[in-house]
Amino acid sequence: ALYIRYAPRVLGFLLKMTNDRSEAEDLTQETFLAGFAGCRSYSGQSRPLAWLLGIAARRFRDKHRTVQP
């Protein structure tokens, strides 16, 4: 139910960040996998969409992080 309700919005968020549908779809899957794996860490203090978008932003950042010498 969580995926059905929020996946389109997470995908839209990531599409704006990546400008690449394939990458956004991959990151959306990674976001929900991380969310399901870490669902016990969801405290309920924020809305589920905000929590998922935070995960999505961190996944995007981690993927695009460059290694500094």
PDB file of N, CA and C in Angstrom:
ATOM      1  N   ALA A   1       0.823  -1.190   0.000  1.00  0.00           N
ATOM      2  CA  ALA A   1       0.000   0.000   0.000  1.00  0.00           C
ATOM      3  C   ALA A   1       0.872   1.261   0.000  1.00  0.00           C
ATOM      4  N   LEU A   2       1.972   1.228   0.765  1.00  0.00           N
ATOM      5  CA  LEU A   2       2.877   2.375   0.825  1.00  0.00           C
ATOM      6  C   LEU A   2       3.468   2.666  -0.550  1.00  0.00           C
ATOM      7  N   TYR A   3       3.883   1.620  -1.248  1.00  0.00           N
ATOM      8  CA  TYR A   3       4.473   1.788  -2.572  1.00  0.00           C
ATOM      9  C   TYR A   3       3.434   2.345  -3.552  1.00  0.00           C
ATOM     10  N   ILE A   4       2.260   1.762  -3.559  1.00  0.00           N
ATOM     11  CA  ILE A   4       1.213   2.201  -4.487  1.00  0.00           C
ATOM     12  C   ILE A   4       0.862   3.670  -4.255  1.00  0.00           C
ATOM     13  N   ARG A   5       0.807   4.065  -3.008  1.00  0.00           N
ATOM     14  CA  ARG A   5       0.413   5.440  -2.692  1.00  0.00           C
ATOM     15  C   ARG A   5       1.496   6.465  -2.989  1.00  0.00           C
ATOM     16  N   TYR A   6       2.771   6.138  -2.698  1.00  0.00           N
ATOM     17  CA  TYR A   6       3.823   7.149  -2.746  1.00  0.00           C
ATOM     18  C   TYR A   6       4.834   7.003  -3.884  1.00  0.00           C
ATOM     19  N   ALA A   7       4.884   5.879  -4.548  1.00  0.00           N
ATOM     20  CA  ALA A   7       5.884   5.683  -5.604  1.00  0.00           C
ATOM     21  C   ALA A   7       5.813   6.743  -6.705  1.00  0.00           C
ATOM     22  N   PRO A   8       4.620   7.116  -7.184  1.00  0.00           N
ATOM     23  CA  PRO A   8       4.598   8.143  -8.238  1.00  0.00           C
ATOM     24  C   PRO A   8       5.203   9.475  -7.792  1.00  0.00           C
ATOM     25  N   ARG A   9       4.976   9.850  -6.545  1.00  0.00           N
ATOM     26  CA  ARG A   9       5.522  11.129  -6.054  1.00  0.00           C
ATOM     27  C   ARG A   9       7.023  11.043  -5.829  1.00  0.00           C
ATOM     28  N   VAL A  10       7.493   9.906  -5.340  1.00  0.00           N
ATOM     29  CA  VAL A  10       8.935   9.718  -5.167  1.00  0.00           C
ATOM     30  C   VAL A  10       9.610   9.716  -6.542  1.00  0.00           C
ATOM     31  N   LEU A  11       9.015   9.025  -7.499  1.00  0.00           N
ATOM     32  CA  LEU A  11       9.565   9.002  -8.854  1.00  0.00           C
ATOM     33  C   LEU A  11       9.607  10.409  -9.444  1.00  0.00           C
ATOM     34  N   GLY A  12       8.545  11.180  -9.290  1.00  0.00           N
ATOM     35  CA  GLY A  12       8.524  12.553  -9.797  1.00  0.00           C
ATOM     36  C   GLY A  12       9.608  13.412  -9.168  1.00  0.00           C
ATOM     37  N   PHE A  13       9.787  13.268  -7.878  1.00  0.00           N
ATOM     38  CA  PHE A  13      10.840  13.984  -7.146  1.00  0.00           C
ATOM     39  C   PHE A  13      12.206  13.639  -7.721  1.00  0.00           C
ATOM     40  N   LEU A  14      12.444  12.354  -7.927  1.00  0.00           N
ATOM     41  CA  LEU A  14      13.746  11.914  -8.443  1.00  0.00           C
ATOM     42  C   LEU A  14      13.931  12.265  -9.914  1.00  0.00           C
ATOM     43  N   LEU A  15      12.854  12.294 -10.679  1.00  0.00           N
ATOM     44  CA  LEU A  15      12.955  12.726 -12.079  1.00  0.00           C
ATOM     45  C   LEU A  15      13.437  14.170 -12.162  1.00  0.00           C
ATOM     46  N   LYS A  16      12.936  15.014 -11.276  1.00  0.00           N
ATOM     47  CA  LYS A  16      13.384  16.409 -11.261  1.00  0.00           C
ATOM     48  C   LYS A  16      14.850  16.512 -10.879  1.00  0.00           C
ATOM     49  N   MET A  17      15.307  15.632 -10.008  1.00  0.00           N
ATOM     50  CA  MET A  17      16.699  15.675  -9.568  1.00  0.00           C
ATOM     51  C   MET A  17      17.651  15.115 -10.615  1.00  0.00           C
ATOM     52  N   THR A  18      17.236  14.044 -11.285  1.00  0.00           N
ATOM     53  CA  THR A  18      18.142  13.345 -12.191  1.00  0.00           C
ATOM     54  C   THR A  18      17.989  13.751 -13.643  1.00  0.00           C
ATOM     55  N   ASN A  19      16.779  14.129 -14.030  1.00  0.00           N
ATOM     56  CA  ASN A  19      16.468  14.407 -15.437  1.00  0.00           C
ATOM     57  C   ASN A  19      16.719  13.179 -16.309  1.00  0.00           C
ATOM     58  N   ASP A  20      16.587  11.992 -15.707  1.00  0.00           N
ATOM     59  CA  ASP A  20      16.832  10.723 -16.399  1.00  0.00           C
ATOM     60  C   ASP A  20      15.858   9.696 -15.839  1.00  0.00           C
ATOM     61  N   ARG A  21      14.906   9.267 -16.655  1.00  0.00           N
ATOM     62  CA  ARG A  21      13.849   8.367 -16.173  1.00  0.00           C
ATOM     63  C   ARG A  21      14.404   7.045 -15.649  1.00  0.00           C
ATOM     64  N   SER A  22      15.349   6.470 -16.355  1.00  0.00           N
ATOM     65  CA  SER A  22      15.907   5.187 -15.939  1.00  0.00           C
ATOM     66  C   SER A  22      16.578   5.286 -14.573  1.00  0.00           C
ATOM     67  N   GLU A  23      17.368   6.329 -14.393  1.00  0.00           N
ATOM     68  CA  GLU A  23      18.043   6.516 -13.106  1.00  0.00           C
ATOM     69  C   GLU A  23      17.023   6.799 -12.003  1.00  0.00           C
ATOM     70  N   ALA A  24      16.008   7.597 -12.315  1.00  0.00           N
ATOM     71  CA  ALA A  24      14.975   7.903 -11.324  1.00  0.00           C
ATOM     72  C   ALA A  24      14.216   6.645 -10.921  1.00  0.00           C
ATOM     73  N   GLU A  25      13.926   5.775 -11.871  1.00  0.00           N
ATOM     74  CA  GLU A  25      13.240   4.522 -11.552  1.00  0.00           C
ATOM     75  C   GLU A  25      14.112   3.634 -10.669  1.00  0.00           C
ATOM     76  N   ASP A  26      15.395   3.546 -10.989  1.00  0.00           N
ATOM     77  CA  ASP A  26      16.313   2.752 -10.163  1.00  0.00           C
ATOM     78  C   ASP A  26      16.379   3.311  -8.742  1.00  0.00           C
ATOM     79  N   LEU A  27      16.493   4.626  -8.623  1.00  0.00           N
ATOM     80  CA  LEU A  27      16.570   5.240  -7.302  1.00  0.00           C
ATOM     81  C   LEU A  27      15.261   5.099  -6.530  1.00  0.00           C
ATOM     82  N   THR A  28      14.140   5.104  -7.242  1.00  0.00           N
ATOM     83  CA  THR A  28      12.851   4.888  -6.582  1.00  0.00           C
ATOM     84  C   THR A  28      12.803   3.488  -5.978  1.00  0.00           C
ATOM     85  N   GLN A  29      13.252   2.512  -6.732  1.00  0.00           N
ATOM     86  CA  GLN A  29      13.295   1.144  -6.196  1.00  0.00           C
ATOM     87  C   GLN A  29      14.214   1.070  -4.988  1.00  0.00           C
ATOM     88  N   GLU A  30      15.385   1.688  -5.089  1.00  0.00           N
ATOM     89  CA  GLU A  30      16.331   1.676  -3.968  1.00  0.00           C
ATOM     90  C   GLU A  30      15.727   2.369  -2.751  1.00  0.00           C
ATOM     91  N   THR A  31      14.992   3.444  -2.991  1.00  0.00           N
ATOM     92  CA  THR A  31      14.355   4.176  -1.889  1.00  0.00           C
ATOM     93  C   THR A  31      13.374   3.286  -1.135  1.00  0.00           C
ATOM     94  N   PHE A  32      12.524   2.583  -1.869  1.00  0.00           N
ATOM     95  CA  PHE A  32      11.529   1.740  -1.202  1.00  0.00           C
ATOM     96  C   PHE A  32      12.167   0.513  -0.561  1.00  0.00           C
ATOM     97  N   LEU A  33      13.185  -0.036  -1.161  1.00  0.00           N
ATOM     98  CA  LEU A  33      13.898  -1.146  -0.525  1.00  0.00           C
ATOM     99  C   LEU A  33      14.513  -0.693   0.793  1.00  0.00           C
ATOM    100  N   ALA A  34      15.134   0.480   0.783  1.00  0.00           N
ATOM    101  CA  ALA A  34      15.723   1.014   2.014  1.00  0.00           C
ATOM    102  C   ALA A  34      14.632   1.329   3.035  1.00  0.00           C
ATOM    103  N   GLY A  35      13.523   1.857   2.563  1.00  0.00           N
ATOM    104  CA  GLY A  35      12.421   2.164   3.470  1.00  0.00           C
ATOM    105  C   GLY A  35      11.847   0.922   4.118  1.00  0.00           C
ATOM    106  N   PHE A  36      11.651  -0.113   3.328  1.00  0.00           N
ATOM    107  CA  PHE A  36      11.122  -1.364   3.885  1.00  0.00           C
ATOM    108  C   PHE A  36      12.131  -1.996   4.841  1.00  0.00           C
ATOM    109  N   ALA A  37      13.413  -1.941   4.481  1.00  0.00           N
ATOM    110  CA  ALA A  37      14.445  -2.527   5.348  1.00  0.00           C
ATOM    111  C   ALA A  37      14.580  -1.749   6.663  1.00  0.00           C
ATOM    112  N   GLY A  38      14.370  -0.444   6.596  1.00  0.00           N
ATOM    113  CA  GLY A  38      14.547   0.381   7.784  1.00  0.00           C
ATOM    114  C   GLY A  38      13.260   0.893   8.374  1.00  0.00           C
ATOM    115  N   CYS A  39      12.158   0.224   8.102  1.00  0.00           N
ATOM    116  CA  CYS A  39      10.859   0.731   8.554  1.00  0.00           C
ATOM    117  C   CYS A  39      10.769   0.856  10.073  1.00  0.00           C
ATOM    118  N   ARG A  40      11.559   0.100  10.786  1.00  0.00           N
ATOM    119  CA  ARG A  40      11.529   0.204  12.252  1.00  0.00           C
ATOM    120  C   ARG A  40      12.090   1.541  12.724  1.00  0.00           C
ATOM    121  N   SER A  41      12.894   2.196  11.858  1.00  0.00           N
ATOM    122  CA  SER A  41      13.454   3.486  12.244  1.00  0.00           C
ATOM    123  C   SER A  41      12.470   4.632  12.017  1.00  0.00           C
ATOM    124  N   TYR A  42      11.352   4.363  11.340  1.00  0.00           N
ATOM    125  CA  TYR A  42      10.345   5.397  11.121  1.00  0.00           C
ATOM    126  C   TYR A  42       9.596   5.627  12.422  1.00  0.00           C
ATOM    127  N   SER A  43       9.756   6.823  12.953  1.00  0.00           N
ATOM    128  CA  SER A  43       9.180   7.120  14.265  1.00  0.00           C
ATOM    129  C   SER A  43       7.759   7.657  14.199  1.00  0.00           C
ATOM    130  N   GLY A  44       7.314   8.030  13.016  1.00  0.00           N
ATOM    131  CA  GLY A  44       5.976   8.578  12.884  1.00  0.00           C
ATOM    132  C   GLY A  44       5.898  10.062  13.174  1.00  0.00           C
ATOM    133  N   GLN A  45       7.039  10.705  13.422  1.00  0.00           N
ATOM    134  CA  GLN A  45       7.045  12.135  13.710  1.00  0.00           C
ATOM    135  C   GLN A  45       6.897  12.974  12.447  1.00  0.00           C
ATOM    136  N   SER A  46       7.156  12.381  11.304  1.00  0.00           N
ATOM    137  CA  SER A  46       6.965  13.077  10.032  1.00  0.00           C
ATOM    138  C   SER A  46       6.001  12.259   9.183  1.00  0.00           C
ATOM    139  N   ARG A  47       5.534  12.865   8.139  1.00  0.00           N
ATOM    140  CA  ARG A  47       4.636  12.142   7.231  1.00  0.00           C
ATOM    141  C   ARG A  47       5.436  11.109   6.454  1.00  0.00           C
ATOM    142  N   PRO A  48       4.815  10.006   6.086  1.00  0.00           N
ATOM    143  CA  PRO A  48       5.541   8.963   5.345  1.00  0.00           C
ATOM    144  C   PRO A  48       6.197   9.483   4.063  1.00  0.00           C
ATOM    145  N   LEU A  49       5.527  10.393   3.355  1.00  0.00           N
ATOM    146  CA  LEU A  49       6.121  10.928   2.127  1.00  0.00           C
ATOM    147  C   LEU A  49       7.401  11.704   2.434  1.00  0.00           C
ATOM    148  N   ALA A  50       7.392  12.504   3.475  1.00  0.00           N
ATOM    149  CA  ALA A  50       8.595  13.257   3.839  1.00  0.00           C
ATOM    150  C   ALA A  50       9.737  12.304   4.183  1.00  0.00           C
ATOM    151  N   TRP A  51       9.423  11.254   4.902  1.00  0.00           N
ATOM    152  CA  TRP A  51      10.424  10.252   5.271  1.00  0.00           C
ATOM    153  C   TRP A  51      11.005   9.597   4.020  1.00  0.00           C
ATOM    154  N   LEU A  52      10.135   9.212   3.073  1.00  0.00           N
ATOM    155  CA  LEU A  52      10.584   8.576   1.833  1.00  0.00           C
ATOM    156  C   LEU A  52      11.386   9.536   0.967  1.00  0.00           C
ATOM    157  N   LEU A  53      10.983  10.795   0.898  1.00  0.00           N
ATOM    158  CA  LEU A  53      11.737  11.766   0.099  1.00  0.00           C
ATOM    159  C   LEU A  53      13.109  12.021   0.706  1.00  0.00           C
ATOM    160  N   GLY A  54      13.206  11.961   2.008  1.00  0.00           N
ATOM    161  CA  GLY A  54      14.519  12.076   2.656  1.00  0.00           C
ATOM    162  C   GLY A  54      15.423  10.919   2.270  1.00  0.00           C
ATOM    163  N   ILE A  55      14.874   9.723   2.269  1.00  0.00           N
ATOM    164  CA  ILE A  55      15.642   8.546   1.840  1.00  0.00           C
ATOM    165  C   ILE A  55      16.051   8.715   0.382  1.00  0.00           C
ATOM    166  N   ALA A  56      15.121   9.163  -0.471  1.00  0.00           N
ATOM    167  CA  ALA A  56      15.400   9.333  -1.897  1.00  0.00           C
ATOM    168  C   ALA A  56      16.523  10.347  -2.114  1.00  0.00           C
ATOM    169  N   ALA A  57      16.467  11.459  -1.403  1.00  0.00           N
ATOM    170  CA  ALA A  57      17.500  12.486  -1.547  1.00  0.00           C
ATOM    171  C   ALA A  57      18.863  11.950  -1.128  1.00  0.00           C
ATOM    172  N   ARG A  58      18.890  11.172  -0.045  1.00  0.00           N
ATOM    173  CA  ARG A  58      20.171  10.589   0.389  1.00  0.00           C
ATOM    174  C   ARG A  58      20.685   9.567  -0.616  1.00  0.00           C
ATOM    175  N   ARG A  59      19.805   8.777  -1.207  1.00  0.00           N
ATOM    176  CA  ARG A  59      20.219   7.807  -2.241  1.00  0.00           C
ATOM    177  C   ARG A  59      20.806   8.540  -3.439  1.00  0.00           C
ATOM    178  N   PHE A  60      20.154   9.621  -3.860  1.00  0.00           N
ATOM    179  CA  PHE A  60      20.654  10.422  -4.976  1.00  0.00           C
ATOM    180  C   PHE A  60      22.023  10.998  -4.638  1.00  0.00           C
ATOM    181  N   ARG A  61      22.140  11.597  -3.460  1.00  0.00           N
ATOM    182  CA  ARG A  61      23.402  12.204  -3.034  1.00  0.00           C
ATOM    183  C   ARG A  61      24.520  11.170  -2.977  1.00  0.00           C
ATOM    184  N   ASP A  62      24.231  10.019  -2.414  1.00  0.00           N
ATOM    185  CA  ASP A  62      25.252   8.977  -2.310  1.00  0.00           C
ATOM    186  C   ASP A  62      25.703   8.497  -3.677  1.00  0.00           C
ATOM    187  N   LYS A  63      24.761   8.395  -4.610  1.00  0.00           N
ATOM    188  CA  LYS A  63      25.111   7.931  -5.951  1.00  0.00           C
ATOM    189  C   LYS A  63      25.967   8.942  -6.703  1.00  0.00           C
ATOM    190  N   HIS A  64      25.751  10.229  -6.432  1.00  0.00           N
ATOM    191  CA  HIS A  64      26.448  11.278  -7.162  1.00  0.00           C
ATOM    192  C   HIS A  64      27.595  11.898  -6.378  1.00  0.00           C
ATOM    193  N   ARG A  65      27.889  11.337  -5.254  1.00  0.00           N
ATOM    194  CA  ARG A  65      29.010  11.833  -4.457  1.00  0.00           C
ATOM    195  C   ARG A  65      30.300  11.533  -5.185  1.00  0.00           C
ATOM    196  N   THR A  66      31.154  12.520  -5.237  1.00  0.00           N
ATOM    197  CA  THR A  66      32.473  12.298  -5.861  1.00  0.00           C
ATOM    198  C   THR A  66      33.493  12.067  -4.771  1.00  0.00           C
ATOM    199  N   VAL A  67      34.464  11.283  -5.088  1.00  0.00           N
ATOM    200  CA  VAL A  67      35.528  10.986  -4.141  1.00  0.00           C
ATOM    201  C   VAL A  67      36.554  12.107  -4.220  1.00  0.00           C
ATOM    202  N   GLN A  68      36.800  12.749  -3.088  1.00  0.00           N
ATOM    203  CA  GLN A  68      37.777  13.827  -3.029  1.00  0.00           C
ATOM    204  C   GLN A  68      39.134  13.242  -2.670  1.00  0.00           C
ATOM    205  N   PRO A  69      40.189  13.639  -3.387  1.00  0.00           N
ATOM    206  CA  PRO A  69      41.533  13.110  -3.075  1.00  0.00           C
ATOM    207  C   PRO A  69      42.062  13.596  -1.758  1.00  0.00           C
TER     208      PRO A  69
END
